[in-house]
Amino acid sequence: MGTAMGSSDIEMSGQRSAQDFAGRVVIVTGAWRGLGRAAAECFHERGAAVAVNVRDRARAESLAASIGERTLAVPGDIAAPGAAEEIVRMTLERFGRVDVIVNNAALARSTRFPDLTAEEWRAALEVNLTAPFLLTKAALPAMRAQRYGRIINISSSAGRMVSTLGGAHYTASKAGLLGLTRAAAKELGKFGITVNAVCPGMIDTELTREHANDETLQRLAASYPIPRIGTAREVADLICFAASEAAGYITGASFDINGGDLMM
C-alpha cells in the first residue's frame, strides 16, 4: 500500500515539474510580443535560459531585462544575411549550448491577392519559411554535437487550410513551414533532434487585434466548438510540451490549437 503524499511532498513535486527545463537553453524568435513573448516567459518560468530575438536592439534588451537574469537579447532582422548564425553564436557564447529553437517570427499581412506584389510575397517567404530553415541549419552543429535538440516551428491553421485574416503569402509560407517540419524531422531524428510544428488558430494577441476588431473576433469565436478566442499562454504551454522530455518520441507532427475550428 502506497504512502500518502504530504503537502511538502506535493510542493516539492510541483517545484520539480516547474523547473523541467533547468539547464536547457532556448532561442525564441519574434519574442517582443504575442506568442513569442509568452513562450519565452513560459520557458524561463520552467527553468530555461532564454535567448530572445527581436528586430530592434533596444526592445530586445528591454524584453530580456523584464523576463529575468537567465535571458539574453539576440537582436536583429531574422531574415537578414548572417542573422541566424549570429544569433546562434551569441547564444553559445553566453550559455554554451542550444537545446530548443522556437521559430516564431512571422510577417503576417492581410494584403488581398489582386494587390499582392512579388516583393511582399518574397518578403513573407523569407521571414516565415527561409528564416526558420536558416536558424535550424545554424544550430545544427551544436545540436548534433550534444546529440539533443528540439525545433518548434510556429505555423498556423492557415498552413493546414487557409488563413482567415492573412493573405495568400501568409497561407503559402505557413503551409511550406509544415513541409519543412516533416522533411527536417525525417532527416534529423538520428541526431537526437525532434522537429515539430504548432498550428494556432485565432489567438488573442496584439497582431490578431491589428487585423480584426472586437465584433469580428466575437463573431468568429461564436462559431467555434469552444466558443472563445485562445490565449497566448495556452499556445506557449503547448510549445513547451513539444519541447519537453514528455514529447521525446514525437517528431514531424503538427499540433493544432484552435478551439475546434479545424478538426483533422
C-alpha atoms as a PDB file:
ATOM      1  CA  MET A   1       0.000   0.000   0.000  1.00  0.00           C
ATOM      2  CA  GLY A   2       1.447   3.361  -1.018  1.00  0.00           C
ATOM      3  CA  THR A   3       2.278   6.179   1.351  1.00  0.00           C
ATOM      4  CA  ALA A   4       0.090   9.258   1.133  1.00  0.00           C
ATOM      5  CA  MET A   5       1.892  12.377  -0.041  1.00  0.00           C
ATOM      6  CA  GLY A   6       2.030  15.222   2.431  1.00  0.00           C
ATOM      7  CA  SER A   7       1.721  18.870   1.479  1.00  0.00           C
ATOM      8  CA  SER A   8       5.518  19.297   1.488  1.00  0.00           C
ATOM      9  CA  ASP A   9       5.925  16.350  -0.904  1.00  0.00           C
ATOM     10  CA  ILE A  10       3.338  17.803  -3.256  1.00  0.00           C
ATOM     11  CA  GLU A  11       5.059  21.179  -3.098  1.00  0.00           C
ATOM     12  CA  MET A  12       8.458  19.652  -3.924  1.00  0.00           C
ATOM     13  CA  SER A  13       6.932  17.627  -6.770  1.00  0.00           C
ATOM     14  CA  GLY A  14       5.423  20.809  -8.174  1.00  0.00           C
ATOM     15  CA  GLN A  15       8.782  22.553  -7.931  1.00  0.00           C
ATOM     16  CA  ARG A  16      10.492  19.759  -9.875  1.00  0.00           C
ATOM     17  CA  SER A  17       7.815  19.907 -12.548  1.00  0.00           C
ATOM     18  CA  ALA A  18       8.006  23.695 -12.708  1.00  0.00           C
ATOM     19  CA  GLN A  19      11.773  23.537 -13.344  1.00  0.00           C
ATOM     20  CA  ASP A  20      11.752  20.818 -16.005  1.00  0.00           C
ATOM     21  CA  PHE A  21      13.783  22.987 -18.412  1.00  0.00           C
ATOM     22  CA  ALA A  22      16.546  23.735 -15.909  1.00  0.00           C
ATOM     23  CA  GLY A  23      19.887  23.547 -17.724  1.00  0.00           C
ATOM     24  CA  ARG A  24      18.255  23.877 -21.147  1.00  0.00           C
ATOM     25  CA  VAL A  25      18.889  26.801 -23.490  1.00  0.00           C
ATOM     26  CA  VAL A  26      16.089  28.109 -25.709  1.00  0.00           C
ATOM     27  CA  ILE A  27      16.111  30.563 -28.620  1.00  0.00           C
ATOM     28  CA  VAL A  28      12.796  32.283 -29.380  1.00  0.00           C
ATOM     29  CA  THR A  29      12.463  34.477 -32.472  1.00  0.00           C
ATOM     30  CA  GLY A  30       9.878  37.231 -32.760  1.00  0.00           C
ATOM     31  CA  ALA A  31       9.751  37.404 -28.971  1.00  0.00           C
ATOM     32  CA  TRP A  32       8.716  41.026 -28.422  1.00  0.00           C
ATOM     33  CA  ARG A  33       5.006  40.294 -28.015  1.00  0.00           C
ATOM     34  CA  GLY A  34       2.246  37.760 -28.534  1.00  0.00           C
ATOM     35  CA  LEU A  35       3.111  34.081 -28.834  1.00  0.00           C
ATOM     36  CA  GLY A  36       6.858  34.656 -28.848  1.00  0.00           C
ATOM     37  CA  ARG A  37       6.857  36.609 -25.614  1.00  0.00           C
ATOM     38  CA  ALA A  38       4.501  34.135 -23.930  1.00  0.00           C
ATOM     39  CA  ALA A  39       6.740  31.233 -24.985  1.00  0.00           C
ATOM     40  CA  ALA A  40       9.913  32.958 -23.770  1.00  0.00           C
ATOM     41  CA  GLU A  41       8.301  33.681 -20.398  1.00  0.00           C
ATOM     42  CA  CYS A  42       6.963  30.121 -20.109  1.00  0.00           C
ATOM     43  CA  PHE A  43      10.370  28.536 -20.752  1.00  0.00           C
ATOM     44  CA  HIS A  44      12.059  30.902 -18.325  1.00  0.00           C
ATOM     45  CA  GLU A  45       9.495  30.183 -15.606  1.00  0.00           C
ATOM     46  CA  ARG A  46      10.241  26.490 -16.065  1.00  0.00           C
ATOM     47  CA  GLY A  47      13.977  26.946 -15.542  1.00  0.00           C
ATOM     48  CA  ALA A  48      15.422  27.501 -19.011  1.00  0.00           C
ATOM     49  CA  ALA A  49      17.932  30.081 -20.111  1.00  0.00           C
ATOM     50  CA  VAL A  50      16.328  32.004 -22.971  1.00  0.00           C
ATOM     51  CA  ALA A  51      17.768  33.977 -25.882  1.00  0.00           C
ATOM     52  CA  VAL A  52      15.128  36.388 -27.173  1.00  0.00           C
ATOM     53  CA  ASN A  53      15.265  37.656 -30.728  1.00  0.00           C
ATOM     54  CA  VAL A  54      13.626  40.985 -31.521  1.00  0.00           C
ATOM     55  CA  ARG A  55      14.449  43.068 -34.575  1.00  0.00           C
ATOM     56  CA  ASP A  56      15.132  46.255 -32.568  1.00  0.00           C
ATOM     57  CA  ARG A  57      18.075  46.130 -30.143  1.00  0.00           C
ATOM     58  CA  ALA A  58      16.542  48.402 -27.503  1.00  0.00           C
ATOM     59  CA  ARG A  59      13.351  46.336 -27.418  1.00  0.00           C
ATOM     60  CA  ALA A  60      15.315  43.083 -27.287  1.00  0.00           C
ATOM     61  CA  GLU A  61      17.356  44.300 -24.332  1.00  0.00           C
ATOM     62  CA  SER A  62      14.267  45.668 -22.565  1.00  0.00           C
ATOM     63  CA  LEU A  63      12.477  42.346 -23.021  1.00  0.00           C
ATOM     64  CA  ALA A  64      15.462  40.349 -21.755  1.00  0.00           C
ATOM     65  CA  ALA A  65      15.670  42.531 -18.654  1.00  0.00           C
ATOM     66  CA  SER A  66      11.958  42.155 -17.953  1.00  0.00           C
ATOM     67  CA  ILE A  67      11.958  38.345 -18.226  1.00  0.00           C
ATOM     68  CA  GLY A  68      14.864  37.667 -15.901  1.00  0.00           C
ATOM     69  CA  GLU A  69      18.563  37.086 -15.334  1.00  0.00           C
ATOM     70  CA  ARG A  70      18.843  33.922 -17.467  1.00  0.00           C
ATOM     71  CA  THR A  71      17.702  35.866 -20.529  1.00  0.00           C
ATOM     72  CA  LEU A  72      19.902  37.101 -23.370  1.00  0.00           C
ATOM     73  CA  ALA A  73      18.970  39.658 -26.025  1.00  0.00           C
ATOM     74  CA  VAL A  74      19.889  38.484 -29.537  1.00  0.00           C
ATOM     75  CA  PRO A  75      18.574  41.358 -31.659  1.00  0.00           C
ATOM     76  CA  GLY A  76      18.368  41.574 -35.420  1.00  0.00           C
ATOM     77  CA  ASP A  77      16.275  41.037 -38.510  1.00  0.00           C
ATOM     78  CA  ILE A  78      15.897  37.246 -38.625  1.00  0.00           C
ATOM     79  CA  ALA A  79      15.742  37.328 -42.438  1.00  0.00           C
ATOM     80  CA  ALA A  80      18.937  39.359 -42.890  1.00  0.00           C
ATOM     81  CA  PRO A  81      22.054  37.623 -44.252  1.00  0.00           C
ATOM     82  CA  GLY A  82      24.112  36.120 -41.441  1.00  0.00           C
ATOM     83  CA  ALA A  83      21.489  36.832 -38.768  1.00  0.00           C
ATOM     84  CA  ALA A  84      20.810  33.182 -37.942  1.00  0.00           C
ATOM     85  CA  GLU A  85      24.484  32.399 -37.477  1.00  0.00           C
ATOM     86  CA  GLU A  86      24.972  35.452 -35.273  1.00  0.00           C
ATOM     87  CA  ILE A  87      22.009  34.557 -33.046  1.00  0.00           C
ATOM     88  CA  VAL A  88      23.391  31.060 -32.502  1.00  0.00           C
ATOM     89  CA  ARG A  89      26.931  32.374 -31.960  1.00  0.00           C
ATOM     90  CA  MET A  90      25.793  34.827 -29.278  1.00  0.00           C
ATOM     91  CA  THR A  91      23.706  32.155 -27.549  1.00  0.00           C
ATOM     92  CA  LEU A  92      26.565  29.638 -27.486  1.00  0.00           C
ATOM     93  CA  GLU A  93      28.991  32.289 -26.284  1.00  0.00           C
ATOM     94  CA  ARG A  94      26.730  33.145 -23.336  1.00  0.00           C
ATOM     95  CA  PHE A  95      25.217  29.782 -22.416  1.00  0.00           C
ATOM     96  CA  GLY A  96      27.453  27.151 -24.031  1.00  0.00           C
ATOM     97  CA  ARG A  97      24.711  25.162 -25.762  1.00  0.00           C
ATOM     98  CA  VAL A  98      21.440  25.389 -27.704  1.00  0.00           C
ATOM     99  CA  ASP A  99      18.689  22.901 -26.874  1.00  0.00           C
ATOM    100  CA  VAL A 100      15.470  24.378 -28.236  1.00  0.00           C
ATOM    101  CA  ILE A 101      14.623  26.694 -31.114  1.00  0.00           C
ATOM    102  CA  VAL A 102      11.194  28.288 -31.397  1.00  0.00           C
ATOM    103  CA  ASN A 103      10.846  29.661 -34.929  1.00  0.00           C
ATOM    104  CA  ASN A 104       8.084  32.152 -34.191  1.00  0.00           C
ATOM    105  CA  ALA A 105       8.966  35.367 -36.050  1.00  0.00           C
ATOM    106  CA  ALA A 106       6.480  35.983 -38.835  1.00  0.00           C
ATOM    107  CA  LEU A 107       5.436  38.510 -41.433  1.00  0.00           C
ATOM    108  CA  ALA A 108       1.645  38.459 -41.277  1.00  0.00           C
ATOM    109  CA  ARG A 109      -0.134  40.798 -43.637  1.00  0.00           C
ATOM    110  CA  SER A 110      -3.681  40.738 -44.955  1.00  0.00           C
ATOM    111  CA  THR A 111      -2.969  42.077 -48.451  1.00  0.00           C
ATOM    112  CA  ARG A 112      -5.543  40.607 -50.841  1.00  0.00           C
ATOM    113  CA  PHE A 113      -4.423  38.643 -53.890  1.00  0.00           C
ATOM    114  CA  PRO A 114      -5.078  41.329 -56.560  1.00  0.00           C
ATOM    115  CA  ASP A 115      -2.923  43.798 -54.625  1.00  0.00           C
ATOM    116  CA  LEU A 116      -0.193  41.371 -53.554  1.00  0.00           C
ATOM    117  CA  THR A 117       3.171  42.262 -55.087  1.00  0.00           C
ATOM    118  CA  ALA A 118       6.026  39.887 -55.824  1.00  0.00           C
ATOM    119  CA  GLU A 119       8.157  41.884 -53.385  1.00  0.00           C
ATOM    120  CA  GLU A 120       5.722  41.382 -50.497  1.00  0.00           C
ATOM    121  CA  TRP A 121       5.287  37.704 -51.432  1.00  0.00           C
ATOM    122  CA  ARG A 122       9.054  37.118 -51.288  1.00  0.00           C
ATOM    123  CA  ALA A 123       9.380  39.029 -48.010  1.00  0.00           C
ATOM    124  CA  ALA A 124       6.786  36.766 -46.360  1.00  0.00           C
ATOM    125  CA  LEU A 125       8.551  33.617 -47.537  1.00  0.00           C
ATOM    126  CA  GLU A 126      11.923  34.947 -46.364  1.00  0.00           C
ATOM    127  CA  VAL A 127      10.679  35.591 -42.815  1.00  0.00           C
ATOM    128  CA  ASN A 128       8.139  32.783 -42.434  1.00  0.00           C
ATOM    129  CA  LEU A 129       9.926  29.930 -44.209  1.00  0.00           C
ATOM    130  CA  THR A 130      13.533  30.652 -45.145  1.00  0.00           C
ATOM    131  CA  ALA A 131      14.499  32.132 -41.747  1.00  0.00           C
ATOM    132  CA  PRO A 132      13.369  29.012 -39.804  1.00  0.00           C
ATOM    133  CA  PHE A 133      15.386  26.872 -42.220  1.00  0.00           C
ATOM    134  CA  LEU A 134      18.488  29.017 -41.747  1.00  0.00           C
ATOM    135  CA  LEU A 135      18.236  29.170 -37.953  1.00  0.00           C
ATOM    136  CA  THR A 136      17.783  25.405 -37.770  1.00  0.00           C
ATOM    137  CA  LYS A 137      20.830  24.960 -40.025  1.00  0.00           C
ATOM    138  CA  ALA A 138      22.862  27.356 -37.887  1.00  0.00           C
ATOM    139  CA  ALA A 139      22.065  25.464 -34.676  1.00  0.00           C
ATOM    140  CA  LEU A 140      22.524  22.025 -36.199  1.00  0.00           C
ATOM    141  CA  PRO A 141      26.274  21.592 -35.468  1.00  0.00           C
ATOM    142  CA  ALA A 142      25.769  22.333 -31.749  1.00  0.00           C
ATOM    143  CA  MET A 143      22.708  20.095 -31.502  1.00  0.00           C
ATOM    144  CA  ARG A 144      24.435  17.243 -33.319  1.00  0.00           C
ATOM    145  CA  ALA A 145      27.447  17.522 -31.033  1.00  0.00           C
ATOM    146  CA  GLN A 146      25.284  17.234 -27.923  1.00  0.00           C
ATOM    147  CA  ARG A 147      23.007  14.608 -29.550  1.00  0.00           C
ATOM    148  CA  TYR A 148      19.946  16.582 -28.479  1.00  0.00           C
ATOM    149  CA  GLY A 149      17.666  19.219 -29.924  1.00  0.00           C
ATOM    150  CA  ARG A 150      14.092  20.403 -30.181  1.00  0.00           C
ATOM    151  CA  ILE A 151      12.928  22.507 -33.129  1.00  0.00           C
ATOM    152  CA  ILE A 152       9.442  24.028 -32.760  1.00  0.00           C
ATOM    153  CA  ASN A 153       8.142  25.775 -35.878  1.00  0.00           C
ATOM    154  CA  ILE A 154       5.187  28.081 -35.301  1.00  0.00           C
ATOM    155  CA  SER A 155       2.937  27.543 -38.286  1.00  0.00           C
ATOM    156  CA  SER A 156      -0.796  28.287 -38.209  1.00  0.00           C
ATOM    157  CA  SER A 157      -4.209  26.897 -39.005  1.00  0.00           C
ATOM    158  CA  ALA A 158      -3.563  28.828 -42.212  1.00  0.00           C
ATOM    159  CA  GLY A 159      -0.905  26.268 -43.077  1.00  0.00           C
ATOM    160  CA  ARG A 160      -3.424  23.450 -42.608  1.00  0.00           C
ATOM    161  CA  MET A 161      -6.262  25.074 -44.596  1.00  0.00           C
ATOM    162  CA  VAL A 162      -6.345  28.813 -45.426  1.00  0.00           C
ATOM    163  CA  SER A 163      -5.915  31.953 -43.359  1.00  0.00           C
ATOM    164  CA  THR A 164      -8.960  33.775 -42.037  1.00  0.00           C
ATOM    165  CA  LEU A 165      -7.232  37.150 -41.872  1.00  0.00           C
ATOM    166  CA  GLY A 166      -3.865  36.774 -43.639  1.00  0.00           C
ATOM    167  CA  GLY A 167      -3.133  36.952 -47.346  1.00  0.00           C
ATOM    168  CA  ALA A 168      -2.102  34.240 -49.802  1.00  0.00           C
ATOM    169  CA  HIS A 169       1.571  34.763 -48.980  1.00  0.00           C
ATOM    170  CA  TYR A 170       0.908  34.078 -45.310  1.00  0.00           C
ATOM    171  CA  THR A 171      -1.045  30.891 -46.049  1.00  0.00           C
ATOM    172  CA  ALA A 172       1.542  29.637 -48.558  1.00  0.00           C
ATOM    173  CA  SER A 173       4.507  30.286 -46.268  1.00  0.00           C
ATOM    174  CA  LYS A 174       2.849  28.620 -43.276  1.00  0.00           C
ATOM    175  CA  ALA A 175       1.970  25.582 -45.404  1.00  0.00           C
ATOM    176  CA  GLY A 176       5.577  25.452 -46.565  1.00  0.00           C
ATOM    177  CA  LEU A 177       6.749  25.546 -42.954  1.00  0.00           C
ATOM    178  CA  LEU A 178       4.794  22.342 -42.281  1.00  0.00           C
ATOM    179  CA  GLY A 179       6.584  20.684 -45.189  1.00  0.00           C
ATOM    180  CA  LEU A 180       9.937  21.845 -43.831  1.00  0.00           C
ATOM    181  CA  THR A 181       8.964  20.454 -40.418  1.00  0.00           C
ATOM    182  CA  ARG A 182       8.286  16.978 -41.805  1.00  0.00           C
ATOM    183  CA  ALA A 183      11.385  16.878 -44.009  1.00  0.00           C
ATOM    184  CA  ALA A 184      13.694  18.081 -41.239  1.00  0.00           C
ATOM    185  CA  ALA A 185      12.141  15.634 -38.768  1.00  0.00           C
ATOM    186  CA  LYS A 186      12.814  12.746 -41.140  1.00  0.00           C
ATOM    187  CA  GLU A 187      16.480  13.628 -41.526  1.00  0.00           C
ATOM    188  CA  LEU A 188      17.429  14.929 -38.083  1.00  0.00           C
ATOM    189  CA  GLY A 189      15.898  12.316 -35.796  1.00  0.00           C
ATOM    190  CA  LYS A 190      19.028  10.157 -35.984  1.00  0.00           C
ATOM    191  CA  PHE A 191      20.955  13.010 -34.343  1.00  0.00           C
ATOM    192  CA  GLY A 192      18.629  13.161 -31.338  1.00  0.00           C
ATOM    193  CA  ILE A 193      16.745  16.144 -32.742  1.00  0.00           C
ATOM    194  CA  THR A 194      12.968  16.313 -32.982  1.00  0.00           C
ATOM    195  CA  VAL A 195      11.162  18.788 -35.237  1.00  0.00           C
ATOM    196  CA  ASN A 196       7.517  19.643 -34.713  1.00  0.00           C
ATOM    197  CA  ALA A 197       5.085  22.413 -35.603  1.00  0.00           C
ATOM    198  CA  VAL A 198       2.452  24.222 -33.568  1.00  0.00           C
ATOM    199  CA  CYS A 199      -0.540  25.476 -35.539  1.00  0.00           C
ATOM    200  CA  PRO A 200      -2.526  28.129 -33.648  1.00  0.00           C
ATOM    201  CA  GLY A 201      -5.944  29.211 -34.795  1.00  0.00           C
ATOM    202  CA  MET A 202      -7.462  32.515 -33.723  1.00  0.00           C
ATOM    203  CA  ILE A 203      -5.439  33.637 -30.694  1.00  0.00           C
ATOM    204  CA  ASP A 204      -5.906  36.856 -28.735  1.00  0.00           C
ATOM    205  CA  THR A 205      -2.665  38.686 -29.496  1.00  0.00           C
ATOM    206  CA  GLU A 206      -1.738  42.210 -30.488  1.00  0.00           C
ATOM    207  CA  LEU A 207      -1.231  41.030 -34.068  1.00  0.00           C
ATOM    208  CA  THR A 208      -4.707  39.499 -34.258  1.00  0.00           C
ATOM    209  CA  ARG A 209      -6.279  42.695 -32.957  1.00  0.00           C
ATOM    210  CA  GLU A 210      -4.409  44.709 -35.574  1.00  0.00           C
ATOM    211  CA  HIS A 211      -6.294  42.750 -38.241  1.00  0.00           C
ATOM    212  CA  ALA A 212      -9.725  42.322 -36.662  1.00  0.00           C
ATOM    213  CA  ASN A 213     -11.975  44.365 -34.385  1.00  0.00           C
ATOM    214  CA  ASP A 214     -13.845  43.069 -31.339  1.00  0.00           C
ATOM    215  CA  GLU A 215     -17.043  42.470 -33.281  1.00  0.00           C
ATOM    216  CA  THR A 216     -15.274  40.322 -35.870  1.00  0.00           C
ATOM    217  CA  LEU A 217     -13.457  38.314 -33.213  1.00  0.00           C
ATOM    218  CA  GLN A 218     -16.662  37.724 -31.241  1.00  0.00           C
ATOM    219  CA  ARG A 219     -18.438  36.566 -34.391  1.00  0.00           C
ATOM    220  CA  LEU A 220     -15.657  34.150 -35.264  1.00  0.00           C
ATOM    221  CA  ALA A 221     -15.395  32.834 -31.710  1.00  0.00           C
ATOM    222  CA  ALA A 222     -19.114  32.119 -31.554  1.00  0.00           C
ATOM    223  CA  SER A 223     -18.761  29.678 -34.463  1.00  0.00           C
ATOM    224  CA  TYR A 224     -16.101  27.510 -32.777  1.00  0.00           C
ATOM    225  CA  PRO A 225     -16.920  24.348 -30.799  1.00  0.00           C
ATOM    226  CA  ILE A 226     -15.087  26.032 -27.918  1.00  0.00           C
ATOM    227  CA  PRO A 227     -16.715  29.451 -28.408  1.00  0.00           C
ATOM    228  CA  ARG A 228     -13.888  31.789 -27.466  1.00  0.00           C
ATOM    229  CA  ILE A 229     -10.569  33.082 -28.723  1.00  0.00           C
ATOM    230  CA  GLY A 230      -7.466  31.260 -27.494  1.00  0.00           C
ATOM    231  CA  THR A 231      -4.793  32.848 -25.321  1.00  0.00           C
ATOM    232  CA  ALA A 232      -1.092  33.255 -25.957  1.00  0.00           C
ATOM    233  CA  ARG A 233      -0.312  31.369 -22.758  1.00  0.00           C
ATOM    234  CA  GLU A 234      -2.294  28.333 -23.956  1.00  0.00           C
ATOM    235  CA  VAL A 235      -0.153  28.253 -27.093  1.00  0.00           C
ATOM    236  CA  ALA A 236       3.023  28.773 -25.037  1.00  0.00           C
ATOM    237  CA  ASP A 237       2.139  25.785 -22.858  1.00  0.00           C
ATOM    238  CA  LEU A 238       1.772  23.641 -25.993  1.00  0.00           C
ATOM    239  CA  ILE A 239       5.107  24.896 -27.332  1.00  0.00           C
ATOM    240  CA  CYS A 240       6.748  23.947 -24.044  1.00  0.00           C
ATOM    241  CA  PHE A 241       5.180  20.489 -24.196  1.00  0.00           C
ATOM    242  CA  ALA A 242       6.541  19.941 -27.718  1.00  0.00           C
ATOM    243  CA  ALA A 243       9.992  20.897 -26.425  1.00  0.00           C
ATOM    244  CA  SER A 244       9.789  18.778 -23.277  1.00  0.00           C
ATOM    245  CA  GLU A 245      11.099  15.336 -22.433  1.00  0.00           C
ATOM    246  CA  ALA A 246       7.493  14.117 -22.475  1.00  0.00           C
ATOM    247  CA  ALA A 247       7.438  14.695 -26.249  1.00  0.00           C
ATOM    248  CA  GLY A 248      10.691  12.843 -26.916  1.00  0.00           C
ATOM    249  CA  TYR A 249       9.063  10.265 -29.226  1.00  0.00           C
ATOM    250  CA  ILE A 250       7.069  12.824 -31.218  1.00  0.00           C
ATOM    251  CA  THR A 251       8.556  14.268 -34.388  1.00  0.00           C
ATOM    252  CA  GLY A 252       7.224  15.561 -37.689  1.00  0.00           C
ATOM    253  CA  ALA A 253       3.908  16.351 -36.009  1.00  0.00           C
ATOM    254  CA  SER A 254       1.645  19.373 -36.352  1.00  0.00           C
ATOM    255  CA  PHE A 255      -0.121  20.300 -33.121  1.00  0.00           C
ATOM    256  CA  ASP A 256      -3.435  22.067 -33.722  1.00  0.00           C
ATOM    257  CA  ILE A 257      -4.701  24.526 -31.114  1.00  0.00           C
ATOM    258  CA  ASN A 258      -7.762  26.260 -32.483  1.00  0.00           C
ATOM    259  CA  GLY A 259     -10.813  25.640 -30.305  1.00  0.00           C
ATOM    260  CA  GLY A 260     -12.072  23.028 -32.761  1.00  0.00           C
ATOM    261  CA  ASP A 261     -12.235  25.402 -35.741  1.00  0.00           C
ATOM    262  CA  LEU A 262     -10.255  22.809 -37.695  1.00  0.00           C
ATOM    263  CA  MET A 263     -10.543  19.091 -36.958  1.00  0.00           C
ATOM    264  CA  MET A 264      -8.407  16.644 -38.948  1.00  0.00           C
END
